Amino acid sequence: MSFCYVRTISIALFLSIFLFLNN
């Protein structure tokens, strides 16, 4: 498994939620 790939998706989801809450 590519841990970097999973970490990238996790960060992307976190940023999406963070931006959504800011709006």
PDB file of N, CA and C in Angstrom:
ATOM      1  N   MET A   1       0.833  -1.201   0.000  1.00  0.00           N
ATOM      2  CA  MET A   1       0.000   0.000   0.000  1.00  0.00           C
ATOM      3  C   MET A   1       0.874   1.260   0.000  1.00  0.00           C
ATOM      4  N   SER A   2       0.390   2.271  -0.697  1.00  0.00           N
ATOM      5  CA  SER A   2       1.133   3.525  -0.730  1.00  0.00           C
ATOM      6  C   SER A   2       0.602   4.457   0.343  1.00  0.00           C
ATOM      7  N   PHE A   3       1.360   4.594   1.420  1.00  0.00           N
ATOM      8  CA  PHE A   3       0.934   5.442   2.532  1.00  0.00           C
ATOM      9  C   PHE A   3       0.848   6.907   2.100  1.00  0.00           C
ATOM     10  N   CYS A   4       1.762   7.310   1.219  1.00  0.00           N
ATOM     11  CA  CYS A   4       1.775   8.692   0.742  1.00  0.00           C
ATOM     12  C   CYS A   4       0.480   9.011   0.003  1.00  0.00           C
ATOM     13  N   TYR A   5      -0.032   8.028  -0.753  1.00  0.00           N
ATOM     14  CA  TYR A   5      -1.266   8.216  -1.502  1.00  0.00           C
ATOM     15  C   TYR A   5      -2.440   8.418  -0.556  1.00  0.00           C
ATOM     16  N   VAL A   6      -2.507   7.590   0.484  1.00  0.00           N
ATOM     17  CA  VAL A   6      -3.587   7.698   1.468  1.00  0.00           C
ATOM     18  C   VAL A   6      -3.484   9.021   2.227  1.00  0.00           C
ATOM     19  N   ARG A   7      -2.250   9.414   2.573  1.00  0.00           N
ATOM     20  CA  ARG A   7      -2.043  10.660   3.308  1.00  0.00           C
ATOM     21  C   ARG A   7      -2.477  11.863   2.465  1.00  0.00           C
ATOM     22  N   THR A   8      -2.212  11.800   1.170  1.00  0.00           N
ATOM     23  CA  THR A   8      -2.600  12.902   0.290  1.00  0.00           C
ATOM     24  C   THR A   8      -4.115  13.065   0.239  1.00  0.00           C
ATOM     25  N   ILE A   9      -4.833  11.941   0.169  1.00  0.00           N
ATOM     26  CA  ILE A   9      -6.295  11.977   0.141  1.00  0.00           C
ATOM     27  C   ILE A   9      -6.834  12.518   1.462  1.00  0.00           C
ATOM     28  N   SER A  10      -6.231  12.096   2.569  1.00  0.00           N
ATOM     29  CA  SER A  10      -6.664  12.553   3.888  1.00  0.00           C
ATOM     30  C   SER A  10      -6.501  14.057   4.019  1.00  0.00           C
ATOM     31  N   ILE A  11      -5.373  14.569   3.544  1.00  0.00           N
ATOM     32  CA  ILE A  11      -5.131  16.012   3.593  1.00  0.00           C
ATOM     33  C   ILE A  11      -6.122  16.748   2.699  1.00  0.00           C
ATOM     34  N   ALA A  12      -6.397  16.194   1.538  1.00  0.00           N
ATOM     35  CA  ALA A  12      -7.336  16.821   0.607  1.00  0.00           C
ATOM     36  C   ALA A  12      -8.725  16.904   1.217  1.00  0.00           C
ATOM     37  N   LEU A  13      -9.162  15.821   1.877  1.00  0.00           N
ATOM     38  CA  LEU A  13     -10.473  15.815   2.525  1.00  0.00           C
ATOM     39  C   LEU A  13     -10.512  16.813   3.672  1.00  0.00           C
ATOM     40  N   PHE A  14      -9.422  16.886   4.443  1.00  0.00           N
ATOM     41  CA  PHE A  14      -9.337  17.811   5.566  1.00  0.00           C
ATOM     42  C   PHE A  14      -9.437  19.255   5.080  1.00  0.00           C
ATOM     43  N   LEU A  15      -8.720  19.572   4.004  1.00  0.00           N
ATOM     44  CA  LEU A  15      -8.751  20.927   3.457  1.00  0.00           C
ATOM     45  C   LEU A  15     -10.129  21.256   2.902  1.00  0.00           C
ATOM     46  N   SER A  16     -10.780  20.275   2.288  1.00  0.00           N
ATOM     47  CA  SER A  16     -12.119  20.487   1.731  1.00  0.00           C
ATOM     48  C   SER A  16     -13.104  20.834   2.835  1.00  0.00           C
ATOM     49  N   ILE A  17     -13.046  20.090   3.949  1.00  0.00           N
ATOM     50  CA  ILE A  17     -13.936  20.352   5.084  1.00  0.00           C
ATOM     51  C   ILE A  17     -13.606  21.704   5.705  1.00  0.00           C
ATOM     52  N   PHE A  18     -12.311  21.996   5.846  1.00  0.00           N
ATOM     53  CA  PHE A  18     -11.869  23.253   6.443  1.00  0.00           C
ATOM     54  C   PHE A  18     -12.374  24.451   5.635  1.00  0.00           C
ATOM     55  N   LEU A  19     -12.246  24.382   4.308  1.00  0.00           N
ATOM     56  CA  LEU A  19     -12.707  25.465   3.446  1.00  0.00           C
ATOM     57  C   LEU A  19     -14.230  25.565   3.463  1.00  0.00           C
ATOM     58  N   PHE A  20     -14.910  24.423   3.545  1.00  0.00           N
ATOM     59  CA  PHE A  20     -16.365  24.402   3.568  1.00  0.00           C
ATOM     60  C   PHE A  20     -16.894  25.084   4.825  1.00  0.00           C
ATOM     61  N   LEU A  21     -16.243  24.834   5.966  1.00  0.00           N
ATOM     62  CA  LEU A  21     -16.670  25.430   7.227  1.00  0.00           C
ATOM     63  C   LEU A  21     -16.378  26.918   7.266  1.00  0.00           C
ATOM     64  N   ASN A  22     -15.381  27.351   6.535  1.00  0.00           N
ATOM     65  CA  ASN A  22     -15.026  28.773   6.524  1.00  0.00           C
ATOM     66  C   ASN A  22     -16.003  29.595   5.698  1.00  0.00           C
ATOM     67  N   ASN A  23     -16.677  28.954   4.758  1.00  0.00           N
ATOM     68  CA  ASN A  23     -17.600  29.689   3.904  1.00  0.00           C
ATOM     69  C   ASN A  23     -18.968  29.865   4.523  1.00  0.00           C
TER      70      ASN A  23
END
